[in-house]
Structures are given as C-alpha cells and as structure tokens.
Amino acid sequence: QVQLVESGGGLVQAGGSLRLSCAASGRAYNSYPMAWFRRAPGKGREFVAAMNGSGSTTNYADSVKGRFTMSRDNAKNTVYLQMNSLKPEDTAVYYCVADGRLWGQGTQVTVSS
C-alpha cells in the first residue's frame, strides 16, 4: 500500500512560485503513474498534471501548461510540482494521486492578488 504526504503549500503573491512535494511510501511506488489534482473553494476537483511511472510522459491541464512542471525522483520516492507565475485562480488545495486511486491529504496553496 502506498501512502502519500504532500508539502510545500503556502501563501504567495501573484507572479510568485512554489514547489510542492509528494513523498510516497511503499515498494510499488516506482511503477505507479502519478498525478496532481486540485480543488478550489466552492469548485469541484480539477486535474492539474500527470506523469507515467518512468517519468517519460507528462500531461498538463491547459490552465497550467507553460507555468507548472511536474517531475519525479524515484530514488527519493517523491514527485514534485513546480508552480511558476502563479495566479489567484490557482488558489486551491492540491492533492497528489498515485495510480489514479490513492490520494494524499492535500496541501493548501493561496495566491494573493
């Protein structure tokens, strides 16, 4: 069983950057596709980015393409989401997801205008 713990969220001004981390435990982690989702206040869950197990393929939501970069370090059992040029509309709780079914507890990102 994989357990996920996100970190790196916080308060940042518009135009700033944050890097989220998702530390995974469990031997099967390296074979899992990983993803980031977010939930903004009063809205539903939104796909942000996804990466296959080897890290060779990454997909992004149009709303973050060119600003966010997802990466993974399988040696550290960690995936990252580098978020640049942040906008107030990026404010949300960000969740790490393994294999499309295992969710972390989320980390809050707040972008002030």
PDB file of N, CA and C in Angstrom:
ATOM      1  N   GLN A   1       0.852  -1.188   0.000  1.00  0.00           N
ATOM      2  CA  GLN A   1       0.000   0.000   0.000  1.00  0.00           C
ATOM      3  C   GLN A   1       0.892   1.244   0.000  1.00  0.00           C
ATOM      4  N   VAL A   2       0.557   2.181  -0.859  1.00  0.00           N
ATOM      5  CA  VAL A   2       1.310   3.437  -0.942  1.00  0.00           C
ATOM      6  C   VAL A   2       0.620   4.487  -0.109  1.00  0.00           C
ATOM      7  N   GLN A   3       1.384   5.213   0.684  1.00  0.00           N
ATOM      8  CA  GLN A   3       0.873   6.360   1.414  1.00  0.00           C
ATOM      9  C   GLN A   3       1.557   7.602   0.889  1.00  0.00           C
ATOM     10  N   LEU A   4       0.802   8.680   0.770  1.00  0.00           N
ATOM     11  CA  LEU A   4       1.285   9.909   0.163  1.00  0.00           C
ATOM     12  C   LEU A   4       1.172  11.070   1.142  1.00  0.00           C
ATOM     13  N   VAL A   5       2.230  11.883   1.214  1.00  0.00           N
ATOM     14  CA  VAL A   5       2.223  13.067   2.075  1.00  0.00           C
ATOM     15  C   VAL A   5       2.696  14.261   1.255  1.00  0.00           C
ATOM     16  N   GLU A   6       1.802  15.237   1.059  1.00  0.00           N
ATOM     17  CA  GLU A   6       2.147  16.443   0.320  1.00  0.00           C
ATOM     18  C   GLU A   6       2.705  17.505   1.263  1.00  0.00           C
ATOM     19  N   SER A   7       3.547  18.368   0.709  1.00  0.00           N
ATOM     20  CA  SER A   7       4.082  19.502   1.450  1.00  0.00           C
ATOM     21  C   SER A   7       4.471  20.593   0.463  1.00  0.00           C
ATOM     22  N   GLY A   8       4.768  21.766   0.990  1.00  0.00           N
ATOM     23  CA  GLY A   8       5.250  22.855   0.153  1.00  0.00           C
ATOM     24  C   GLY A   8       4.226  23.933  -0.146  1.00  0.00           C
ATOM     25  N   GLY A   9       2.996  23.728   0.285  1.00  0.00           N
ATOM     26  CA  GLY A   9       1.998  24.750   0.054  1.00  0.00           C
ATOM     27  C   GLY A   9       2.236  25.978   0.924  1.00  0.00           C
ATOM     28  N   GLY A  10       1.479  27.028   0.651  1.00  0.00           N
ATOM     29  CA  GLY A  10       1.614  28.243   1.439  1.00  0.00           C
ATOM     30  C   GLY A  10       0.943  29.409   0.767  1.00  0.00           C
ATOM     31  N   LEU A  11       1.275  30.599   1.265  1.00  0.00           N
ATOM     32  CA  LEU A  11       0.731  31.850   0.737  1.00  0.00           C
ATOM     33  C   LEU A  11       1.806  32.543  -0.094  1.00  0.00           C
ATOM     34  N   VAL A  12       1.427  32.937  -1.306  1.00  0.00           N
ATOM     35  CA  VAL A  12       2.372  33.597  -2.197  1.00  0.00           C
ATOM     36  C   VAL A  12       1.640  34.677  -2.975  1.00  0.00           C
ATOM     37  N   GLN A  13       2.352  35.708  -3.369  1.00  0.00           N
ATOM     38  CA  GLN A  13       1.753  36.760  -4.180  1.00  0.00           C
ATOM     39  C   GLN A  13       1.658  36.312  -5.643  1.00  0.00           C
ATOM     40  N   ALA A  14       0.727  36.911  -6.338  1.00  0.00           N
ATOM     41  CA  ALA A  14       0.586  36.626  -7.765  1.00  0.00           C
ATOM     42  C   ALA A  14       1.915  36.876  -8.476  1.00  0.00           C
ATOM     43  N   GLY A  15       2.249  35.958  -9.381  1.00  0.00           N
ATOM     44  CA  GLY A  15       3.526  36.022 -10.076  1.00  0.00           C
ATOM     45  C   GLY A  15       4.644  35.261  -9.398  1.00  0.00           C
ATOM     46  N   GLY A  16       4.390  34.808  -8.191  1.00  0.00           N
ATOM     47  CA  GLY A  16       5.399  34.074  -7.437  1.00  0.00           C
ATOM     48  C   GLY A  16       5.425  32.601  -7.792  1.00  0.00           C
ATOM     49  N   SER A  17       6.254  31.871  -7.036  1.00  0.00           N
ATOM     50  CA  SER A  17       6.453  30.445  -7.305  1.00  0.00           C
ATOM     51  C   SER A  17       6.374  29.644  -6.015  1.00  0.00           C
ATOM     52  N   LEU A  18       5.978  28.396  -6.174  1.00  0.00           N
ATOM     53  CA  LEU A  18       6.016  27.419  -5.094  1.00  0.00           C
ATOM     54  C   LEU A  18       6.386  26.076  -5.694  1.00  0.00           C
ATOM     55  N   ARG A  19       6.981  25.234  -4.887  1.00  0.00           N
ATOM     56  CA  ARG A  19       7.236  23.859  -5.307  1.00  0.00           C
ATOM     57  C   ARG A  19       6.577  22.914  -4.311  1.00  0.00           C
ATOM     58  N   LEU A  20       5.660  22.132  -4.802  1.00  0.00           N
ATOM     59  CA  LEU A  20       5.004  21.128  -3.976  1.00  0.00           C
ATOM     60  C   LEU A  20       5.772  19.812  -4.077  1.00  0.00           C
ATOM     61  N   SER A  21       5.792  19.096  -2.975  1.00  0.00           N
ATOM     62  CA  SER A  21       6.406  17.771  -2.942  1.00  0.00           C
ATOM     63  C   SER A  21       5.376  16.755  -2.485  1.00  0.00           C
ATOM     64  N   CYS A  22       5.524  15.547  -2.951  1.00  0.00           N
ATOM     65  CA  CYS A  22       4.657  14.445  -2.537  1.00  0.00           C
ATOM     66  C   CYS A  22       5.559  13.254  -2.263  1.00  0.00           C
ATOM     67  N   ALA A  23       5.717  12.936  -0.994  1.00  0.00           N
ATOM     68  CA  ALA A  23       6.562  11.817  -0.600  1.00  0.00           C
ATOM     69  C   ALA A  23       5.710  10.562  -0.489  1.00  0.00           C
ATOM     70  N   ALA A  24       6.158   9.507  -1.143  1.00  0.00           N
ATOM     71  CA  ALA A  24       5.397   8.268  -1.167  1.00  0.00           C
ATOM     72  C   ALA A  24       6.138   7.173  -0.429  1.00  0.00           C
ATOM     73  N   SER A  25       5.397   6.377   0.293  1.00  0.00           N
ATOM     74  CA  SER A  25       5.974   5.188   0.923  1.00  0.00           C
ATOM     75  C   SER A  25       5.368   3.961   0.265  1.00  0.00           C
ATOM     76  N   GLY A  26       6.110   2.904   0.221  1.00  0.00           N
ATOM     77  CA  GLY A  26       5.575   1.700  -0.408  1.00  0.00           C
ATOM     78  C   GLY A  26       6.434   1.260  -1.565  1.00  0.00           C
ATOM     79  N   ARG A  27       6.740   0.015  -1.655  1.00  0.00           N
ATOM     80  CA  ARG A  27       7.673  -0.500  -2.654  1.00  0.00           C
ATOM     81  C   ARG A  27       7.156  -0.376  -4.069  1.00  0.00           C
ATOM     82  N   ALA A  28       5.846  -0.310  -4.260  1.00  0.00           N
ATOM     83  CA  ALA A  28       5.301  -0.291  -5.611  1.00  0.00           C
ATOM     84  C   ALA A  28       5.280   1.094  -6.218  1.00  0.00           C
ATOM     85  N   TYR A  29       5.733   2.093  -5.481  1.00  0.00           N
ATOM     86  CA  TYR A  29       5.586   3.477  -5.928  1.00  0.00           C
ATOM     87  C   TYR A  29       6.206   3.705  -7.296  1.00  0.00           C
ATOM     88  N   ASN A  30       7.404   3.180  -7.527  1.00  0.00           N
ATOM     89  CA  ASN A  30       8.134   3.498  -8.744  1.00  0.00           C
ATOM     90  C   ASN A  30       7.423   3.066 -10.012  1.00  0.00           C
ATOM     91  N   SER A  31       6.479   2.168  -9.920  1.00  0.00           N
ATOM     92  CA  SER A  31       5.760   1.716 -11.113  1.00  0.00           C
ATOM     93  C   SER A  31       4.436   2.447 -11.305  1.00  0.00           C
ATOM     94  N   TYR A  32       4.068   3.288 -10.355  1.00  0.00           N
ATOM     95  CA  TYR A  32       2.763   3.935 -10.412  1.00  0.00           C
ATOM     96  C   TYR A  32       2.793   5.201 -11.251  1.00  0.00           C
ATOM     97  N   PRO A  33       1.787   5.389 -12.086  1.00  0.00           N
ATOM     98  CA  PRO A  33       1.599   6.731 -12.637  1.00  0.00           C
ATOM     99  C   PRO A  33       1.161   7.655 -11.494  1.00  0.00           C
ATOM    100  N   MET A  34       1.594   8.900 -11.564  1.00  0.00           N
ATOM    101  CA  MET A  34       1.301   9.864 -10.510  1.00  0.00           C
ATOM    102  C   MET A  34       0.610  11.084 -11.115  1.00  0.00           C
ATOM    103  N   ALA A  35      -0.173  11.749 -10.311  1.00  0.00           N
ATOM    104  CA  ALA A  35      -0.895  12.918 -10.796  1.00  0.00           C
ATOM    105  C   ALA A  35      -1.064  13.935  -9.687  1.00  0.00           C
ATOM    106  N   TRP A  36      -1.330  15.145 -10.094  1.00  0.00           N
ATOM    107  CA  TRP A  36      -1.727  16.221  -9.188  1.00  0.00           C
ATOM    108  C   TRP A  36      -3.118  16.686  -9.586  1.00  0.00           C
ATOM    109  N   PHE A  37      -3.962  16.846  -8.601  1.00  0.00           N
ATOM    110  CA  PHE A  37      -5.288  17.433  -8.764  1.00  0.00           C
ATOM    111  C   PHE A  37      -5.393  18.603  -7.795  1.00  0.00           C
ATOM    112  N   ARG A  38      -6.400  19.422  -7.997  1.00  0.00           N
ATOM    113  CA  ARG A  38      -6.646  20.499  -7.051  1.00  0.00           C
ATOM    114  C   ARG A  38      -8.140  20.724  -6.903  1.00  0.00           C
ATOM    115  N   ARG A  39      -8.497  21.318  -5.765  1.00  0.00           N
ATOM    116  CA  ARG A  39      -9.890  21.679  -5.511  1.00  0.00           C
ATOM    117  C   ARG A  39      -9.905  23.098  -4.991  1.00  0.00           C
ATOM    118  N   ALA A  40     -10.473  24.006  -5.784  1.00  0.00           N
ATOM    119  CA  ALA A  40     -10.597  25.402  -5.384  1.00  0.00           C
ATOM    120  C   ALA A  40     -11.845  25.572  -4.530  1.00  0.00           C
ATOM    121  N   PRO A  41     -11.893  26.616  -3.728  1.00  0.00           N
ATOM    122  CA  PRO A  41     -13.064  26.848  -2.869  1.00  0.00           C
ATOM    123  C   PRO A  41     -14.348  26.901  -3.682  1.00  0.00           C
ATOM    124  N   GLY A  42     -15.328  26.103  -3.302  1.00  0.00           N
ATOM    125  CA  GLY A  42     -16.619  26.113  -3.965  1.00  0.00           C
ATOM    126  C   GLY A  42     -16.642  25.452  -5.325  1.00  0.00           C
ATOM    127  N   LYS A  43     -15.560  24.781  -5.694  1.00  0.00           N
ATOM    128  CA  LYS A  43     -15.498  24.141  -7.012  1.00  0.00           C
ATOM    129  C   LYS A  43     -15.197  22.663  -6.880  1.00  0.00           C
ATOM    130  N   GLY A  44     -15.337  21.959  -7.985  1.00  0.00           N
ATOM    131  CA  GLY A  44     -15.050  20.538  -7.979  1.00  0.00           C
ATOM    132  C   GLY A  44     -13.574  20.259  -8.171  1.00  0.00           C
ATOM    133  N   ARG A  45     -13.263  19.008  -8.144  1.00  0.00           N
ATOM    134  CA  ARG A  45     -11.888  18.552  -8.316  1.00  0.00           C
ATOM    135  C   ARG A  45     -11.436  18.806  -9.752  1.00  0.00           C
ATOM    136  N   GLU A  46     -10.195  19.278  -9.907  1.00  0.00           N
ATOM    137  CA  GLU A  46      -9.672  19.623 -11.222  1.00  0.00           C
ATOM    138  C   GLU A  46      -8.333  18.945 -11.457  1.00  0.00           C
ATOM    139  N   PHE A  47      -8.181  18.320 -12.597  1.00  0.00           N
ATOM    140  CA  PHE A  47      -6.906  17.725 -12.991  1.00  0.00           C
ATOM    141  C   PHE A  47      -5.879  18.833 -13.233  1.00  0.00           C
ATOM    142  N   VAL A  48      -4.642  18.605 -12.771  1.00  0.00           N
ATOM    143  CA  VAL A  48      -3.564  19.571 -12.968  1.00  0.00           C
ATOM    144  C   VAL A  48      -2.476  18.987 -13.876  1.00  0.00           C
ATOM    145  N   ALA A  49      -1.934  17.820 -13.484  1.00  0.00           N
ATOM    146  CA  ALA A  49      -0.829  17.227 -14.242  1.00  0.00           C
ATOM    147  C   ALA A  49      -0.735  15.759 -13.911  1.00  0.00           C
ATOM    148  N   ALA A  50      -0.146  14.990 -14.835  1.00  0.00           N
ATOM    149  CA  ALA A  50       0.041  13.560 -14.620  1.00  0.00           C
ATOM    150  C   ALA A  50       1.315  13.097 -15.300  1.00  0.00           C
ATOM    151  N   MET A  51       1.900  12.057 -14.736  1.00  0.00           N
ATOM    152  CA  MET A  51       3.154  11.531 -15.254  1.00  0.00           C
ATOM    153  C   MET A  51       3.129  10.013 -15.164  1.00  0.00           C
ATOM    154  N   ASN A  52       3.706   9.350 -16.166  1.00  0.00           N
ATOM    155  CA  ASN A  52       3.744   7.892 -16.115  1.00  0.00           C
ATOM    156  C   ASN A  52       4.830   7.414 -15.155  1.00  0.00           C
ATOM    157  N   GLY A  53       4.923   6.107 -14.981  1.00  0.00           N
ATOM    158  CA  GLY A  53       5.815   5.556 -13.967  1.00  0.00           C
ATOM    159  C   GLY A  53       7.289   5.876 -14.187  1.00  0.00           C
ATOM    160  N   SER A  54       7.707   5.898 -15.440  1.00  0.00           N
ATOM    161  CA  SER A  54       9.121   6.163 -15.734  1.00  0.00           C
ATOM    162  C   SER A  54       9.448   7.639 -15.782  1.00  0.00           C
ATOM    163  N   GLY A  55       8.427   8.470 -15.837  1.00  0.00           N
ATOM    164  CA  GLY A  55       8.654   9.899 -15.959  1.00  0.00           C
ATOM    165  C   GLY A  55       8.866  10.366 -17.381  1.00  0.00           C
ATOM    166  N   SER A  56       8.649   9.491 -18.360  1.00  0.00           N
ATOM    167  CA  SER A  56       8.922   9.845 -19.751  1.00  0.00           C
ATOM    168  C   SER A  56       7.782  10.626 -20.401  1.00  0.00           C
ATOM    169  N   THR A  57       6.609  10.557 -19.814  1.00  0.00           N
ATOM    170  CA  THR A  57       5.443  11.240 -20.387  1.00  0.00           C
ATOM    171  C   THR A  57       4.731  12.047 -19.321  1.00  0.00           C
ATOM    172  N   THR A  58       4.446  13.293 -19.644  1.00  0.00           N
ATOM    173  CA  THR A  58       3.740  14.178 -18.719  1.00  0.00           C
ATOM    174  C   THR A  58       2.636  14.910 -19.470  1.00  0.00           C
ATOM    175  N   ASN A  59       1.507  15.058 -18.825  1.00  0.00           N
ATOM    176  CA  ASN A  59       0.391  15.810 -19.405  1.00  0.00           C
ATOM    177  C   ASN A  59      -0.027  16.893 -18.424  1.00  0.00           C
ATOM    178  N   TYR A  60      -0.487  18.006 -18.959  1.00  0.00           N
ATOM    179  CA  TYR A  60      -0.878  19.136 -18.135  1.00  0.00           C
ATOM    180  C   TYR A  60      -2.245  19.650 -18.555  1.00  0.00           C
ATOM    181  N   ALA A  61      -2.974  20.173 -17.586  1.00  0.00           N
ATOM    182  CA  ALA A  61      -4.192  20.896 -17.904  1.00  0.00           C
ATOM    183  C   ALA A  61      -3.832  22.171 -18.656  1.00  0.00           C
ATOM    184  N   ASP A  62      -4.705  22.573 -19.554  1.00  0.00           N
ATOM    185  CA  ASP A  62      -4.439  23.782 -20.328  1.00  0.00           C
ATOM    186  C   ASP A  62      -4.243  24.999 -19.423  1.00  0.00           C
ATOM    187  N   SER A  63      -4.908  25.017 -18.301  1.00  0.00           N
ATOM    188  CA  SER A  63      -4.860  26.171 -17.406  1.00  0.00           C
ATOM    189  C   SER A  63      -3.495  26.356 -16.747  1.00  0.00           C
ATOM    190  N   VAL A  64      -2.659  25.314 -16.741  1.00  0.00           N
ATOM    191  CA  VAL A  64      -1.358  25.411 -16.076  1.00  0.00           C
ATOM    192  C   VAL A  64      -0.202  25.189 -17.042  1.00  0.00           C
ATOM    193  N   LYS A  65      -0.498  24.820 -18.274  1.00  0.00           N
ATOM    194  CA  LYS A  65       0.540  24.498 -19.235  1.00  0.00           C
ATOM    195  C   LYS A  65       1.449  25.708 -19.440  1.00  0.00           C
ATOM    196  N   GLY A  66       2.762  25.450 -19.401  1.00  0.00           N
ATOM    197  CA  GLY A  66       3.738  26.523 -19.555  1.00  0.00           C
ATOM    198  C   GLY A  66       4.110  27.209 -18.254  1.00  0.00           C
ATOM    199  N   ARG A  67       3.343  26.957 -17.195  1.00  0.00           N
ATOM    200  CA  ARG A  67       3.637  27.571 -15.888  1.00  0.00           C
ATOM    201  C   ARG A  67       4.034  26.533 -14.843  1.00  0.00           C
ATOM    202  N   PHE A  68       3.433  25.357 -14.917  1.00  0.00           N
ATOM    203  CA  PHE A  68       3.695  24.288 -13.951  1.00  0.00           C
ATOM    204  C   PHE A  68       4.536  23.196 -14.602  1.00  0.00           C
ATOM    205  N   THR A  69       5.406  22.594 -13.799  1.00  0.00           N
ATOM    206  CA  THR A  69       6.219  21.474 -14.271  1.00  0.00           C
ATOM    207  C   THR A  69       6.189  20.361 -13.238  1.00  0.00           C
ATOM    208  N   MET A  70       5.804  19.191 -13.698  1.00  0.00           N
ATOM    209  CA  MET A  70       5.783  18.017 -12.821  1.00  0.00           C
ATOM    210  C   MET A  70       7.028  17.185 -13.059  1.00  0.00           C
ATOM    211  N   SER A  71       7.595  16.663 -11.981  1.00  0.00           N
ATOM    212  CA  SER A  71       8.765  15.812 -12.100  1.00  0.00           C
ATOM    213  C   SER A  71       8.700  14.743 -11.003  1.00  0.00           C
ATOM    214  N   ARG A  72       9.536  13.741 -11.135  1.00  0.00           N
ATOM    215  CA  ARG A  72       9.596  12.703 -10.111  1.00  0.00           C
ATOM    216  C   ARG A  72      11.033  12.251  -9.937  1.00  0.00           C
ATOM    217  N   ASP A  73      11.342  11.901  -8.695  1.00  0.00           N
ATOM    218  CA  ASP A  73      12.640  11.349  -8.352  1.00  0.00           C
ATOM    219  C   ASP A  73      12.366  10.006  -7.707  1.00  0.00           C
ATOM    220  N   ASN A  74      12.434   8.949  -8.504  1.00  0.00           N
ATOM    221  CA  ASN A  74      12.090   7.629  -7.986  1.00  0.00           C
ATOM    222  C   ASN A  74      13.064   7.157  -6.913  1.00  0.00           C
ATOM    223  N   ALA A  75      14.286   7.655  -6.939  1.00  0.00           N
ATOM    224  CA  ALA A  75      15.250   7.279  -5.904  1.00  0.00           C
ATOM    225  C   ALA A  75      14.831   7.827  -4.542  1.00  0.00           C
ATOM    226  N   LYS A  76      14.104   8.938  -4.559  1.00  0.00           N
ATOM    227  CA  LYS A  76      13.642   9.556  -3.310  1.00  0.00           C
ATOM    228  C   LYS A  76      12.157   9.291  -3.067  1.00  0.00           C
ATOM    229  N   ASN A  77      11.531   8.508  -3.960  1.00  0.00           N
ATOM    230  CA  ASN A  77      10.099   8.232  -3.820  1.00  0.00           C
ATOM    231  C   ASN A  77       9.288   9.523  -3.696  1.00  0.00           C
ATOM    232  N   THR A  78       9.627  10.491  -4.518  1.00  0.00           N
ATOM    233  CA  THR A  78       8.984  11.797  -4.400  1.00  0.00           C
ATOM    234  C   THR A  78       8.623  12.335  -5.785  1.00  0.00           C
ATOM    235  N   VAL A  79       7.462  12.945  -5.871  1.00  0.00           N
ATOM    236  CA  VAL A  79       7.088  13.694  -7.056  1.00  0.00           C
ATOM    237  C   VAL A  79       6.965  15.162  -6.676  1.00  0.00           C
ATOM    238  N   TYR A  80       7.155  16.005  -7.653  1.00  0.00           N
ATOM    239  CA  TYR A  80       7.174  17.444  -7.416  1.00  0.00           C
ATOM    240  C   TYR A  80       6.231  18.142  -8.397  1.00  0.00           C
ATOM    241  N   LEU A  81       5.779  19.302  -7.981  1.00  0.00           N
ATOM    242  CA  LEU A  81       5.048  20.180  -8.877  1.00  0.00           C
ATOM    243  C   LEU A  81       5.627  21.576  -8.703  1.00  0.00           C
ATOM    244  N   GLN A  82       6.411  21.996  -9.666  1.00  0.00           N
ATOM    245  CA  GLN A  82       6.970  23.349  -9.661  1.00  0.00           C
ATOM    246  C   GLN A  82       5.938  24.282 -10.277  1.00  0.00           C
ATOM    247  N   MET A  83       5.523  25.269  -9.522  1.00  0.00           N
ATOM    248  CA  MET A  83       4.480  26.183  -9.969  1.00  0.00           C
ATOM    249  C   MET A  83       5.049  27.593 -10.070  1.00  0.00           C
ATOM    250  N   ASN A  84       5.096  28.113 -11.272  1.00  0.00           N
ATOM    251  CA  ASN A  84       5.614  29.459 -11.523  1.00  0.00           C
ATOM    252  C   ASN A  84       4.500  30.363 -12.035  1.00  0.00           C
ATOM    253  N   SER A  85       4.745  31.641 -11.998  1.00  0.00           N
ATOM    254  CA  SER A  85       3.778  32.627 -12.490  1.00  0.00           C
ATOM    255  C   SER A  85       2.393  32.354 -11.919  1.00  0.00           C
ATOM    256  N   LEU A  86       2.339  32.169 -10.635  1.00  0.00           N
ATOM    257  CA  LEU A  86       1.069  31.814 -10.000  1.00  0.00           C
ATOM    258  C   LEU A  86       0.050  32.936 -10.102  1.00  0.00           C
ATOM    259  N   LYS A  87      -1.204  32.523 -10.221  1.00  0.00           N
ATOM    260  CA  LYS A  87      -2.325  33.442 -10.350  1.00  0.00           C
ATOM    261  C   LYS A  87      -3.297  33.210  -9.197  1.00  0.00           C
ATOM    262  N   PRO A  88      -4.103  34.209  -8.848  1.00  0.00           N
ATOM    263  CA  PRO A  88      -5.095  33.997  -7.786  1.00  0.00           C
ATOM    264  C   PRO A  88      -6.006  32.807  -8.062  1.00  0.00           C
ATOM    265  N   GLU A  89      -6.291  32.545  -9.307  1.00  0.00           N
ATOM    266  CA  GLU A  89      -7.162  31.413  -9.636  1.00  0.00           C
ATOM    267  C   GLU A  89      -6.490  30.051  -9.437  1.00  0.00           C
ATOM    268  N   ASP A  90      -5.206  30.049  -9.115  1.00  0.00           N
ATOM    269  CA  ASP A  90      -4.529  28.798  -8.758  1.00  0.00           C
ATOM    270  C   ASP A  90      -4.755  28.438  -7.289  1.00  0.00           C
ATOM    271  N   THR A  91      -5.379  29.327  -6.540  1.00  0.00           N
ATOM    272  CA  THR A  91      -5.663  29.045  -5.134  1.00  0.00           C
ATOM    273  C   THR A  91      -6.533  27.804  -5.009  1.00  0.00           C
ATOM    274  N   ALA A  92      -6.057  26.833  -4.235  1.00  0.00           N
ATOM    275  CA  ALA A  92      -6.764  25.557  -4.109  1.00  0.00           C
ATOM    276  C   ALA A  92      -6.010  24.676  -3.123  1.00  0.00           C
ATOM    277  N   VAL A  93      -6.651  23.587  -2.756  1.00  0.00           N
ATOM    278  CA  VAL A  93      -5.942  22.502  -2.074  1.00  0.00           C
ATOM    279  C   VAL A  93      -5.436  21.566  -3.168  1.00  0.00           C
ATOM    280  N   TYR A  94      -4.140  21.279  -3.125  1.00  0.00           N
ATOM    281  CA  TYR A  94      -3.510  20.440  -4.136  1.00  0.00           C
ATOM    282  C   TYR A  94      -3.286  19.037  -3.568  1.00  0.00           C
ATOM    283  N   TYR A  95      -3.673  18.052  -4.370  1.00  0.00           N
ATOM    284  CA  TYR A  95      -3.594  16.658  -3.958  1.00  0.00           C
ATOM    285  C   TYR A  95      -2.685  15.864  -4.885  1.00  0.00           C
ATOM    286  N   CYS A  96      -1.913  14.997  -4.296  1.00  0.00           N
ATOM    287  CA  CYS A  96      -1.102  14.052  -5.033  1.00  0.00           C
ATOM    288  C   CYS A  96      -1.890  12.739  -5.123  1.00  0.00           C
ATOM    289  N   VAL A  97      -1.837  12.097  -6.290  1.00  0.00           N
ATOM    290  CA  VAL A  97      -2.600  10.872  -6.504  1.00  0.00           C
ATOM    291  C   VAL A  97      -1.698   9.818  -7.129  1.00  0.00           C
ATOM    292  N   ALA A  98      -1.709   8.639  -6.582  1.00  0.00           N
ATOM    293  CA  ALA A  98      -0.926   7.526  -7.121  1.00  0.00           C
ATOM    294  C   ALA A  98      -1.860   6.516  -7.774  1.00  0.00           C
ATOM    295  N   ASP A  99      -1.506   6.114  -8.963  1.00  0.00           N
ATOM    296  CA  ASP A  99      -2.236   5.054  -9.667  1.00  0.00           C
ATOM    297  C   ASP A  99      -3.714   5.378  -9.843  1.00  0.00           C
ATOM    298  N   GLY A 100      -4.041   6.634  -9.829  1.00  0.00           N
ATOM    299  CA  GLY A 100      -5.413   7.055 -10.053  1.00  0.00           C
ATOM    300  C   GLY A 100      -6.381   6.757  -8.942  1.00  0.00           C
ATOM    301  N   ARG A 101      -5.882   6.285  -7.790  1.00  0.00           N
ATOM    302  CA  ARG A 101      -6.811   5.848  -6.752  1.00  0.00           C
ATOM    303  C   ARG A 101      -6.347   6.131  -5.335  1.00  0.00           C
ATOM    304  N   LEU A 102      -5.074   6.423  -5.112  1.00  0.00           N
ATOM    305  CA  LEU A 102      -4.554   6.653  -3.768  1.00  0.00           C
ATOM    306  C   LEU A 102      -4.256   8.142  -3.614  1.00  0.00           C
ATOM    307  N   TRP A 103      -4.945   8.770  -2.663  1.00  0.00           N
ATOM    308  CA  TRP A 103      -4.868  10.216  -2.503  1.00  0.00           C
ATOM    309  C   TRP A 103      -4.123  10.601  -1.233  1.00  0.00           C
ATOM    310  N   GLY A 104      -3.344  11.704  -1.344  1.00  0.00           N
ATOM    311  CA  GLY A 104      -2.761  12.286  -0.156  1.00  0.00           C
ATOM    312  C   GLY A 104      -3.774  13.163   0.557  1.00  0.00           C
ATOM    313  N   GLN A 105      -3.323  13.809   1.620  1.00  0.00           N
ATOM    314  CA  GLN A 105      -4.230  14.624   2.426  1.00  0.00           C
ATOM    315  C   GLN A 105      -4.381  16.033   1.872  1.00  0.00           C
ATOM    316  N   GLY A 106      -3.518  16.432   0.970  1.00  0.00           N
ATOM    317  CA  GLY A 106      -3.620  17.737   0.347  1.00  0.00           C
ATOM    318  C   GLY A 106      -2.784  18.793   1.030  1.00  0.00           C
ATOM    319  N   THR A 107      -2.411  19.809   0.268  1.00  0.00           N
ATOM    320  CA  THR A 107      -1.683  20.955   0.803  1.00  0.00           C
ATOM    321  C   THR A 107      -2.284  22.223   0.214  1.00  0.00           C
ATOM    322  N   GLN A 108      -2.483  23.232   1.070  1.00  0.00           N
ATOM    323  CA  GLN A 108      -3.165  24.452   0.653  1.00  0.00           C
ATOM    324  C   GLN A 108      -2.194  25.392  -0.055  1.00  0.00           C
ATOM    325  N   VAL A 109      -2.614  25.891  -1.203  1.00  0.00           N
ATOM    326  CA  VAL A 109      -1.896  26.933  -1.927  1.00  0.00           C
ATOM    327  C   VAL A 109      -2.820  28.137  -2.042  1.00  0.00           C
ATOM    328  N   THR A 110      -2.353  29.285  -1.572  1.00  0.00           N
ATOM    329  CA  THR A 110      -3.129  30.512  -1.647  1.00  0.00           C
ATOM    330  C   THR A 110      -2.304  31.572  -2.364  1.00  0.00           C
ATOM    331  N   VAL A 111      -2.878  32.119  -3.430  1.00  0.00           N
ATOM    332  CA  VAL A 111      -2.198  33.134  -4.226  1.00  0.00           C
ATOM    333  C   VAL A 111      -2.955  34.447  -4.067  1.00  0.00           C
ATOM    334  N   SER A 112      -2.285  35.442  -3.525  1.00  0.00           N
ATOM    335  CA  SER A 112      -2.929  36.740  -3.303  1.00  0.00           C
ATOM    336  C   SER A 112      -2.690  37.659  -4.498  1.00  0.00           C
ATOM    337  N   SER A 113      -3.671  38.507  -4.753  1.00  0.00           N
ATOM    338  CA  SER A 113      -3.562  39.425  -5.904  1.00  0.00           C
ATOM    339  C   SER A 113      -2.887  40.716  -5.521  1.00  0.00           C
TER     340      SER A 113
END
